[in-house]
Amino acid sequence: MKGPRRLRVAPATEEYLLEEEKKDSLIRKVFNGLTWRLIHEEDNPGYRLPGYNPPKYIIRKAYRFPVPRLFRLIYQMSESEVFIELAQVVDYDEQERS
């Protein structure tokens, strides 16, 4: 197995995460869990988004049960690096409308 990939996060995404973290303390833990998977797993755990070259992927995680919130990441991945382009946190009822 190869070593972990390098993680880069877009500056606007990092700002968004800092603002969301003020509202919900679990945001950083969910982000760290998802990015750990991305940098350590050999197979890409996300779903490829159609129409992008180079390819972009989405991964999502529900948390805050019994009424979940949904955490989404849009990223690009290579053998050596993961670049997080976008993060989004939505309440479950907002997710159904989008």
PDB file of N, CA and C in Angstrom:
ATOM      1  N   MET A   1       0.830  -1.182   0.000  1.00  0.00           N
ATOM      2  CA  MET A   1       0.000   0.000   0.000  1.00  0.00           C
ATOM      3  C   MET A   1       0.875   1.247   0.000  1.00  0.00           C
ATOM      4  N   LYS A   2       0.474   2.246  -0.781  1.00  0.00           N
ATOM      5  CA  LYS A   2       1.192   3.510  -0.842  1.00  0.00           C
ATOM      6  C   LYS A   2       0.910   4.330   0.405  1.00  0.00           C
ATOM      7  N   GLY A   3       1.718   5.343   0.618  1.00  0.00           N
ATOM      8  CA  GLY A   3       1.487   6.253   1.739  1.00  0.00           C
ATOM      9  C   GLY A   3       0.253   7.109   1.505  1.00  0.00           C
ATOM     10  N   PRO A   4      -0.153   7.853   2.506  1.00  0.00           N
ATOM     11  CA  PRO A   4      -1.341   8.694   2.355  1.00  0.00           C
ATOM     12  C   PRO A   4      -1.137   9.804   1.336  1.00  0.00           C
ATOM     13  N   ARG A   5      -2.228  10.205   0.706  1.00  0.00           N
ATOM     14  CA  ARG A   5      -2.192  11.317  -0.237  1.00  0.00           C
ATOM     15  C   ARG A   5      -2.071  12.631   0.531  1.00  0.00           C
ATOM     16  N   ARG A   6      -1.592  13.623  -0.142  1.00  0.00           N
ATOM     17  CA  ARG A   6      -1.528  14.968   0.423  1.00  0.00           C
ATOM     18  C   ARG A   6      -2.925  15.596   0.329  1.00  0.00           C
ATOM     19  N   LEU A   7      -3.330  16.343   1.331  1.00  0.00           N
ATOM     20  CA  LEU A   7      -4.641  16.991   1.353  1.00  0.00           C
ATOM     21  C   LEU A   7      -4.469  18.492   1.170  1.00  0.00           C
ATOM     22  N   ARG A   8      -5.226  19.037   0.213  1.00  0.00           N
ATOM     23  CA  ARG A   8      -5.301  20.486   0.026  1.00  0.00           C
ATOM     24  C   ARG A   8      -6.772  20.892   0.089  1.00  0.00           C
ATOM     25  N   VAL A   9      -7.044  22.042   0.673  1.00  0.00           N
ATOM     26  CA  VAL A   9      -8.410  22.548   0.796  1.00  0.00           C
ATOM     27  C   VAL A   9      -8.436  23.955   0.221  1.00  0.00           C
ATOM     28  N   ALA A  10      -9.422  24.229  -0.640  1.00  0.00           N
ATOM     29  CA  ALA A  10      -9.556  25.570  -1.212  1.00  0.00           C
ATOM     30  C   ALA A  10      -9.759  26.581  -0.086  1.00  0.00           C
ATOM     31  N   PRO A  11      -9.161  27.755  -0.183  1.00  0.00           N
ATOM     32  CA  PRO A  11      -9.293  28.758   0.879  1.00  0.00           C
ATOM     33  C   PRO A  11     -10.744  29.121   1.207  1.00  0.00           C
ATOM     34  N   ALA A  12     -11.585  29.276   0.199  1.00  0.00           N
ATOM     35  CA  ALA A  12     -12.995  29.606   0.457  1.00  0.00           C
ATOM     36  C   ALA A  12     -13.701  28.471   1.188  1.00  0.00           C
ATOM     37  N   THR A  13     -13.322  27.247   0.897  1.00  0.00           N
ATOM     38  CA  THR A  13     -13.905  26.089   1.578  1.00  0.00           C
ATOM     39  C   THR A  13     -13.485  26.066   3.036  1.00  0.00           C
ATOM     40  N   GLU A  14     -12.235  26.385   3.308  1.00  0.00           N
ATOM     41  CA  GLU A  14     -11.763  26.434   4.695  1.00  0.00           C
ATOM     42  C   GLU A  14     -12.501  27.523   5.477  1.00  0.00           C
ATOM     43  N   GLU A  15     -12.721  28.672   4.850  1.00  0.00           N
ATOM     44  CA  GLU A  15     -13.491  29.743   5.501  1.00  0.00           C
ATOM     45  C   GLU A  15     -14.920  29.290   5.800  1.00  0.00           C
ATOM     46  N   TYR A  16     -15.530  28.603   4.837  1.00  0.00           N
ATOM     47  CA  TYR A  16     -16.885  28.092   5.033  1.00  0.00           C
ATOM     48  C   TYR A  16     -16.925  27.125   6.221  1.00  0.00           C
ATOM     49  N   LEU A  17     -15.959  26.239   6.292  1.00  0.00           N
ATOM     50  CA  LEU A  17     -15.924  25.263   7.387  1.00  0.00           C
ATOM     51  C   LEU A  17     -15.751  25.952   8.743  1.00  0.00           C
ATOM     52  N   LEU A  18     -14.937  26.981   8.803  1.00  0.00           N
ATOM     53  CA  LEU A  18     -14.759  27.719  10.051  1.00  0.00           C
ATOM     54  C   LEU A  18     -16.061  28.381  10.497  1.00  0.00           C
ATOM     55  N   GLU A  19     -16.804  28.945   9.549  1.00  0.00           N
ATOM     56  CA  GLU A  19     -18.094  29.563   9.885  1.00  0.00           C
ATOM     57  C   GLU A  19     -19.114  28.520  10.337  1.00  0.00           C
ATOM     58  N   GLU A  20     -19.172  27.392   9.648  1.00  0.00           N
ATOM     59  CA  GLU A  20     -20.116  26.334  10.017  1.00  0.00           C
ATOM     60  C   GLU A  20     -19.748  25.705  11.357  1.00  0.00           C
ATOM     61  N   GLU A  21     -18.468  25.654  11.643  1.00  0.00           N
ATOM     62  CA  GLU A  21     -17.995  25.072  12.900  1.00  0.00           C
ATOM     63  C   GLU A  21     -18.469  25.890  14.102  1.00  0.00           C
ATOM     64  N   LYS A  22     -18.648  27.198  13.913  1.00  0.00           N
ATOM     65  CA  LYS A  22     -19.186  28.042  14.977  1.00  0.00           C
ATOM     66  C   LYS A  22     -20.631  27.670  15.302  1.00  0.00           C
ATOM     67  N   LYS A  23     -21.368  27.172  14.298  1.00  0.00           N
ATOM     68  CA  LYS A  23     -22.773  26.791  14.477  1.00  0.00           C
ATOM     69  C   LYS A  23     -22.929  25.358  14.969  1.00  0.00           C
ATOM     70  N   ASP A  24     -22.011  24.488  14.558  1.00  0.00           N
ATOM     71  CA  ASP A  24     -22.133  23.058  14.858  1.00  0.00           C
ATOM     72  C   ASP A  24     -20.733  22.492  15.111  1.00  0.00           C
ATOM     73  N   SER A  25     -20.481  22.094  16.334  1.00  0.00           N
ATOM     74  CA  SER A  25     -19.144  21.642  16.725  1.00  0.00           C
ATOM     75  C   SER A  25     -18.722  20.317  16.080  1.00  0.00           C
ATOM     76  N   LEU A  26     -19.659  19.558  15.544  1.00  0.00           N
ATOM     77  CA  LEU A  26     -19.308  18.277  14.915  1.00  0.00           C
ATOM     78  C   LEU A  26     -18.762  18.414  13.492  1.00  0.00           C
ATOM     79  N   ILE A  27     -18.893  19.589  12.902  1.00  0.00           N
ATOM     80  CA  ILE A  27     -18.473  19.779  11.506  1.00  0.00           C
ATOM     81  C   ILE A  27     -17.039  19.329  11.283  1.00  0.00           C
ATOM     82  N   ARG A  28     -16.124  19.767  12.117  1.00  0.00           N
ATOM     83  CA  ARG A  28     -14.708  19.442  11.911  1.00  0.00           C
ATOM     84  C   ARG A  28     -14.459  17.952  12.042  1.00  0.00           C
ATOM     85  N   LYS A  29     -15.151  17.282  12.971  1.00  0.00           N
ATOM     86  CA  LYS A  29     -14.967  15.839  13.126  1.00  0.00           C
ATOM     87  C   LYS A  29     -15.468  15.088  11.892  1.00  0.00           C
ATOM     88  N   VAL A  30     -16.599  15.502  11.345  1.00  0.00           N
ATOM     89  CA  VAL A  30     -17.123  14.859  10.139  1.00  0.00           C
ATOM     90  C   VAL A  30     -16.175  15.111   8.972  1.00  0.00           C
ATOM     91  N   PHE A  31     -15.701  16.350   8.825  1.00  0.00           N
ATOM     92  CA  PHE A  31     -14.752  16.689   7.767  1.00  0.00           C
ATOM     93  C   PHE A  31     -13.485  15.851   7.894  1.00  0.00           C
ATOM     94  N   ASN A  32     -12.933  15.780   9.094  1.00  0.00           N
ATOM     95  CA  ASN A  32     -11.705  15.003   9.301  1.00  0.00           C
ATOM     96  C   ASN A  32     -11.919  13.523   8.992  1.00  0.00           C
ATOM     97  N   GLY A  33     -13.071  12.977   9.352  1.00  0.00           N
ATOM     98  CA  GLY A  33     -13.363  11.574   9.050  1.00  0.00           C
ATOM     99  C   GLY A  33     -13.443  11.307   7.556  1.00  0.00           C
ATOM    100  N   LEU A  34     -14.136  12.190   6.834  1.00  0.00           N
ATOM    101  CA  LEU A  34     -14.249  12.007   5.388  1.00  0.00           C
ATOM    102  C   LEU A  34     -12.906  12.189   4.692  1.00  0.00           C
ATOM    103  N   THR A  35     -12.154  13.195   5.086  1.00  0.00           N
ATOM    104  CA  THR A  35     -10.867  13.407   4.425  1.00  0.00           C
ATOM    105  C   THR A  35      -9.871  12.307   4.780  1.00  0.00           C
ATOM    106  N   TRP A  36      -9.975  11.737   5.981  1.00  0.00           N
ATOM    107  CA  TRP A  36      -9.113  10.601   6.323  1.00  0.00           C
ATOM    108  C   TRP A  36      -9.350   9.468   5.328  1.00  0.00           C
ATOM    109  N   ARG A  37     -10.624   9.183   5.042  1.00  0.00           N
ATOM    110  CA  ARG A  37     -10.934   8.140   4.059  1.00  0.00           C
ATOM    111  C   ARG A  37     -10.326   8.464   2.708  1.00  0.00           C
ATOM    112  N   LEU A  38     -10.459   9.720   2.276  1.00  0.00           N
ATOM    113  CA  LEU A  38      -9.968  10.108   0.959  1.00  0.00           C
ATOM    114  C   LEU A  38      -8.460   9.990   0.840  1.00  0.00           C
ATOM    115  N   ILE A  39      -7.734  10.339   1.885  1.00  0.00           N
ATOM    116  CA  ILE A  39      -6.275  10.312   1.758  1.00  0.00           C
ATOM    117  C   ILE A  39      -5.676   8.937   2.040  1.00  0.00           C
ATOM    118  N   HIS A  40      -6.418   8.046   2.707  1.00  0.00           N
ATOM    119  CA  HIS A  40      -5.852   6.743   3.071  1.00  0.00           C
ATOM    120  C   HIS A  40      -6.360   5.563   2.240  1.00  0.00           C
ATOM    121  N   GLU A  41      -7.602   5.598   1.777  1.00  0.00           N
ATOM    122  CA  GLU A  41      -8.132   4.442   1.048  1.00  0.00           C
ATOM    123  C   GLU A  41      -7.571   4.394  -0.362  1.00  0.00           C
ATOM    124  N   GLU A  42      -7.252   3.197  -0.800  1.00  0.00           N
ATOM    125  CA  GLU A  42      -6.710   3.033  -2.151  1.00  0.00           C
ATOM    126  C   GLU A  42      -7.768   3.291  -3.207  1.00  0.00           C
ATOM    127  N   ASP A  43      -8.978   2.769  -3.000  1.00  0.00           N
ATOM    128  CA  ASP A  43     -10.071   2.994  -3.942  1.00  0.00           C
ATOM    129  C   ASP A  43     -10.792   4.285  -3.577  1.00  0.00           C
ATOM    130  N   ASN A  44     -11.213   5.011  -4.583  1.00  0.00           N
ATOM    131  CA  ASN A  44     -11.919   6.265  -4.370  1.00  0.00           C
ATOM    132  C   ASN A  44     -13.313   5.961  -3.808  1.00  0.00           C
ATOM    133  N   PRO A  45     -13.650   6.458  -2.602  1.00  0.00           N
ATOM    134  CA  PRO A  45     -14.939   6.127  -2.001  1.00  0.00           C
ATOM    135  C   PRO A  45     -16.085   6.996  -2.494  1.00  0.00           C
ATOM    136  N   GLY A  46     -15.819   8.031  -3.303  1.00  0.00           N
ATOM    137  CA  GLY A  46     -16.871   8.941  -3.753  1.00  0.00           C
ATOM    138  C   GLY A  46     -17.497   8.515  -5.065  1.00  0.00           C
ATOM    139  N   TYR A  47     -18.466   9.319  -5.502  1.00  0.00           N
ATOM    140  CA  TYR A  47     -19.149   9.101  -6.774  1.00  0.00           C
ATOM    141  C   TYR A  47     -18.663  10.138  -7.771  1.00  0.00           C
ATOM    142  N   ARG A  48     -18.354   9.684  -8.983  1.00  0.00           N
ATOM    143  CA  ARG A  48     -17.855  10.600 -10.013  1.00  0.00           C
ATOM    144  C   ARG A  48     -19.005  11.454 -10.542  1.00  0.00           C
ATOM    145  N   LEU A  49     -18.747  12.759 -10.646  1.00  0.00           N
ATOM    146  CA  LEU A  49     -19.726  13.677 -11.207  1.00  0.00           C
ATOM    147  C   LEU A  49     -19.561  13.710 -12.721  1.00  0.00           C
ATOM    148  N   PRO A  50     -20.643  13.588 -13.468  1.00  0.00           N
ATOM    149  CA  PRO A  50     -20.524  13.575 -14.928  1.00  0.00           C
ATOM    150  C   PRO A  50     -20.164  14.945 -15.487  1.00  0.00           C
ATOM    151  N   GLY A  51     -19.419  14.947 -16.592  1.00  0.00           N
ATOM    152  CA  GLY A  51     -19.146  16.161 -17.339  1.00  0.00           C
ATOM    153  C   GLY A  51     -17.911  16.940 -16.931  1.00  0.00           C
ATOM    154  N   TYR A  52     -17.069  16.399 -16.079  1.00  0.00           N
ATOM    155  CA  TYR A  52     -15.866  17.118 -15.646  1.00  0.00           C
ATOM    156  C   TYR A  52     -14.608  16.398 -16.114  1.00  0.00           C
ATOM    157  N   ASN A  53     -13.674  17.191 -16.651  1.00  0.00           N
ATOM    158  CA  ASN A  53     -12.378  16.677 -17.022  1.00  0.00           C
ATOM    159  C   ASN A  53     -11.345  17.714 -16.627  1.00  0.00           C
ATOM    160  N   PRO A  54     -10.500  17.468 -15.653  1.00  0.00           N
ATOM    161  CA  PRO A  54     -10.312  16.229 -14.907  1.00  0.00           C
ATOM    162  C   PRO A  54     -11.530  15.915 -14.039  1.00  0.00           C
ATOM    163  N   PRO A  55     -11.680  14.646 -13.701  1.00  0.00           N
ATOM    164  CA  PRO A  55     -12.871  14.215 -12.982  1.00  0.00           C
ATOM    165  C   PRO A  55     -12.988  14.838 -11.591  1.00  0.00           C
ATOM    166  N   LYS A  56     -14.234  15.102 -11.205  1.00  0.00           N
ATOM    167  CA  LYS A  56     -14.556  15.559  -9.858  1.00  0.00           C
ATOM    168  C   LYS A  56     -15.483  14.529  -9.234  1.00  0.00           C
ATOM    169  N   TYR A  57     -15.425  14.456  -7.911  1.00  0.00           N
ATOM    170  CA  TYR A  57     -16.188  13.460  -7.175  1.00  0.00           C
ATOM    171  C   TYR A  57     -16.953  14.117  -6.037  1.00  0.00           C
ATOM    172  N   ILE A  58     -17.986  13.423  -5.570  1.00  0.00           N
ATOM    173  CA  ILE A  58     -18.741  13.870  -4.413  1.00  0.00           C
ATOM    174  C   ILE A  58     -18.784  12.734  -3.398  1.00  0.00           C
ATOM    175  N   ILE A  59     -18.656  13.104  -2.144  1.00  0.00           N
ATOM    176  CA  ILE A  59     -18.834  12.150  -1.059  1.00  0.00           C
ATOM    177  C   ILE A  59     -19.717  12.851  -0.042  1.00  0.00           C
ATOM    178  N   ARG A  60     -20.610  12.099   0.601  1.00  0.00           N
ATOM    179  CA  ARG A  60     -21.512  12.709   1.566  1.00  0.00           C
ATOM    180  C   ARG A  60     -21.668  11.824   2.785  1.00  0.00           C
ATOM    181  N   LYS A  61     -22.026  12.468   3.879  1.00  0.00           N
ATOM    182  CA  LYS A  61     -22.168  11.759   5.147  1.00  0.00           C
ATOM    183  C   LYS A  61     -23.305  12.398   5.927  1.00  0.00           C
ATOM    184  N   ALA A  62     -24.248  11.583   6.358  1.00  0.00           N
ATOM    185  CA  ALA A  62     -25.319  12.057   7.233  1.00  0.00           C
ATOM    186  C   ALA A  62     -24.828  11.948   8.679  1.00  0.00           C
ATOM    187  N   TYR A  63     -25.186  12.930   9.485  1.00  0.00           N
ATOM    188  CA  TYR A  63     -24.827  12.913  10.901  1.00  0.00           C
ATOM    189  C   TYR A  63     -25.887  13.700  11.667  1.00  0.00           C
ATOM    190  N   ARG A  64     -25.783  13.744  12.966  1.00  0.00           N
ATOM    191  CA  ARG A  64     -26.723  14.421  13.866  1.00  0.00           C
ATOM    192  C   ARG A  64     -28.074  13.703  13.894  1.00  0.00           C
ATOM    193  N   PHE A  65     -28.039  12.437  14.197  1.00  0.00           N
ATOM    194  CA  PHE A  65     -29.283  11.667  14.290  1.00  0.00           C
ATOM    195  C   PHE A  65     -30.007  11.985  15.582  1.00  0.00           C
ATOM    196  N   PRO A  66     -31.308  11.873  15.684  1.00  0.00           N
ATOM    197  CA  PRO A  66     -32.256  11.227  14.787  1.00  0.00           C
ATOM    198  C   PRO A  66     -32.714  12.095  13.622  1.00  0.00           C
ATOM    199  N   VAL A  67     -32.510  13.411  13.667  1.00  0.00           N
ATOM    200  CA  VAL A  67     -32.849  14.260  12.527  1.00  0.00           C
ATOM    201  C   VAL A  67     -31.536  14.690  11.896  1.00  0.00           C
ATOM    202  N   PRO A  68     -31.132  14.003  10.830  1.00  0.00           N
ATOM    203  CA  PRO A  68     -29.768  14.183  10.328  1.00  0.00           C
ATOM    204  C   PRO A  68     -29.542  15.486   9.582  1.00  0.00           C
ATOM    205  N   ARG A  69     -28.279  15.870   9.585  1.00  0.00           N
ATOM    206  CA  ARG A  69     -27.759  16.892   8.685  1.00  0.00           C
ATOM    207  C   ARG A  69     -26.905  16.146   7.660  1.00  0.00           C
ATOM    208  N   LEU A  70     -26.700  16.740   6.526  1.00  0.00           N
ATOM    209  CA  LEU A  70     -25.936  16.104   5.462  1.00  0.00           C
ATOM    210  C   LEU A  70     -24.709  16.950   5.156  1.00  0.00           C
ATOM    211  N   PHE A  71     -23.538  16.301   5.139  1.00  0.00           N
ATOM    212  CA  PHE A  71     -22.266  16.952   4.859  1.00  0.00           C
ATOM    213  C   PHE A  71     -21.788  16.449   3.506  1.00  0.00           C
ATOM    214  N   ARG A  72     -21.508  17.362   2.580  1.00  0.00           N
ATOM    215  CA  ARG A  72     -21.056  16.986   1.232  1.00  0.00           C
ATOM    216  C   ARG A  72     -19.700  17.609   0.941  1.00  0.00           C
ATOM    217  N   LEU A  73     -18.872  16.848   0.240  1.00  0.00           N
ATOM    218  CA  LEU A  73     -17.587  17.352  -0.246  1.00  0.00           C
ATOM    219  C   LEU A  73     -17.491  17.103  -1.743  1.00  0.00           C
ATOM    220  N   ILE A  74     -17.053  18.108  -2.485  1.00  0.00           N
ATOM    221  CA  ILE A  74     -16.719  17.955  -3.904  1.00  0.00           C
ATOM    222  C   ILE A  74     -15.196  18.042  -3.978  1.00  0.00           C
ATOM    223  N   TYR A  75     -14.584  17.087  -4.642  1.00  0.00           N
ATOM    224  CA  TYR A  75     -13.120  17.025  -4.642  1.00  0.00           C
ATOM    225  C   TYR A  75     -12.580  16.442  -5.936  1.00  0.00           C
ATOM    226  N   GLN A  76     -11.279  16.666  -6.144  1.00  0.00           N
ATOM    227  CA  GLN A  76     -10.515  16.015  -7.199  1.00  0.00           C
ATOM    228  C   GLN A  76      -9.482  15.137  -6.513  1.00  0.00           C
ATOM    229  N   MET A  77      -9.149  14.037  -7.159  1.00  0.00           N
ATOM    230  CA  MET A  77      -8.232  13.080  -6.542  1.00  0.00           C
ATOM    231  C   MET A  77      -7.248  12.553  -7.566  1.00  0.00           C
ATOM    232  N   SER A  78      -5.991  12.452  -7.143  1.00  0.00           N
ATOM    233  CA  SER A  78      -4.962  11.796  -7.953  1.00  0.00           C
ATOM    234  C   SER A  78      -4.273  10.764  -7.073  1.00  0.00           C
ATOM    235  N   GLU A  79      -3.244  10.119  -7.596  1.00  0.00           N
ATOM    236  CA  GLU A  79      -2.506   9.126  -6.816  1.00  0.00           C
ATOM    237  C   GLU A  79      -1.824   9.739  -5.593  1.00  0.00           C
ATOM    238  N   SER A  80      -1.471  11.023  -5.705  1.00  0.00           N
ATOM    239  CA  SER A  80      -0.684  11.639  -4.638  1.00  0.00           C
ATOM    240  C   SER A  80      -1.393  12.753  -3.868  1.00  0.00           C
ATOM    241  N   GLU A  81      -2.592  13.176  -4.331  1.00  0.00           N
ATOM    242  CA  GLU A  81      -3.206  14.347  -3.720  1.00  0.00           C
ATOM    243  C   GLU A  81      -4.727  14.297  -3.792  1.00  0.00           C
ATOM    244  N   VAL A  82      -5.364  14.902  -2.780  1.00  0.00           N
ATOM    245  CA  VAL A  82      -6.804  15.145  -2.759  1.00  0.00           C
ATOM    246  C   VAL A  82      -6.989  16.646  -2.601  1.00  0.00           C
ATOM    247  N   PHE A  83      -7.781  17.238  -3.494  1.00  0.00           N
ATOM    248  CA  PHE A  83      -8.058  18.668  -3.431  1.00  0.00           C
ATOM    249  C   PHE A  83      -9.542  18.869  -3.164  1.00  0.00           C
ATOM    250  N   ILE A  84      -9.867  19.408  -1.991  1.00  0.00           N
ATOM    251  CA  ILE A  84     -11.259  19.662  -1.617  1.00  0.00           C
ATOM    252  C   ILE A  84     -11.644  21.021  -2.188  1.00  0.00           C
ATOM    253  N   GLU A  85     -12.591  21.015  -3.124  1.00  0.00           N
ATOM    254  CA  GLU A  85     -13.018  22.253  -3.767  1.00  0.00           C
ATOM    255  C   GLU A  85     -14.185  22.904  -3.045  1.00  0.00           C
ATOM    256  N   LEU A  86     -15.094  22.080  -2.537  1.00  0.00           N
ATOM    257  CA  LEU A  86     -16.333  22.614  -1.986  1.00  0.00           C
ATOM    258  C   LEU A  86     -16.812  21.742  -0.838  1.00  0.00           C
ATOM    259  N   ALA A  87     -17.315  22.375   0.189  1.00  0.00           N
ATOM    260  CA  ALA A  87     -17.972  21.675   1.291  1.00  0.00           C
ATOM    261  C   ALA A  87     -19.333  22.315   1.464  1.00  0.00           C
ATOM    262  N   GLN A  88     -20.320  21.503   1.832  1.00  0.00           N
ATOM    263  CA  GLN A  88     -21.661  22.017   2.066  1.00  0.00           C
ATOM    264  C   GLN A  88     -22.318  21.215   3.173  1.00  0.00           C
ATOM    265  N   VAL A  89     -22.964  21.914   4.086  1.00  0.00           N
ATOM    266  CA  VAL A  89     -23.716  21.288   5.164  1.00  0.00           C
ATOM    267  C   VAL A  89     -25.149  21.741   5.028  1.00  0.00           C
ATOM    268  N   VAL A  90     -26.073  20.784   4.969  1.00  0.00           N
ATOM    269  CA  VAL A  90     -27.497  21.121   4.862  1.00  0.00           C
ATOM    270  C   VAL A  90     -28.285  20.288   5.858  1.00  0.00           C
ATOM    271  N   ASP A  91     -29.395  20.855   6.313  1.00  0.00           N
ATOM    272  CA  ASP A  91     -30.326  20.083   7.122  1.00  0.00           C
ATOM    273  C   ASP A  91     -31.042  19.101   6.220  1.00  0.00           C
ATOM    274  N   TYR A  92     -31.520  18.008   6.778  1.00  0.00           N
ATOM    275  CA  TYR A  92     -32.144  16.952   5.988  1.00  0.00           C
ATOM    276  C   TYR A  92     -33.307  17.491   5.170  1.00  0.00           C
ATOM    277  N   ASP A  93     -34.160  18.338   5.761  1.00  0.00           N
ATOM    278  CA  ASP A  93     -35.313  18.846   5.019  1.00  0.00           C
ATOM    279  C   ASP A  93     -34.878  19.747   3.853  1.00  0.00           C
ATOM    280  N   GLU A  94     -33.755  20.479   3.976  1.00  0.00           N
ATOM    281  CA  GLU A  94     -33.226  21.270   2.868  1.00  0.00           C
ATOM    282  C   GLU A  94     -32.676  20.369   1.775  1.00  0.00           C
ATOM    283  N   GLN A  95     -32.095  19.249   2.147  1.00  0.00           N
ATOM    284  CA  GLN A  95     -31.522  18.319   1.167  1.00  0.00           C
ATOM    285  C   GLN A  95     -32.603  17.760   0.262  1.00  0.00           C
ATOM    286  N   GLU A  96     -33.795  17.509   0.800  1.00  0.00           N
ATOM    287  CA  GLU A  96     -34.878  16.965  -0.011  1.00  0.00           C
ATOM    288  C   GLU A  96     -35.348  17.958  -1.053  1.00  0.00           C
ATOM    289  N   ARG A  97     -35.207  19.261  -0.801  1.00  0.00           N
ATOM    290  CA  ARG A  97     -35.637  20.293  -1.745  1.00  0.00           C
ATOM    291  C   ARG A  97     -34.593  20.552  -2.822  1.00  0.00           C
ATOM    292  N   SER A  98     -33.330  20.201  -2.571  1.00  0.00           N
ATOM    293  CA  SER A  98     -32.289  20.502  -3.560  1.00  0.00           C
ATOM    294  C   SER A  98     -31.999  19.337  -4.455  1.00  0.00           C
TER     295      SER A  98
END
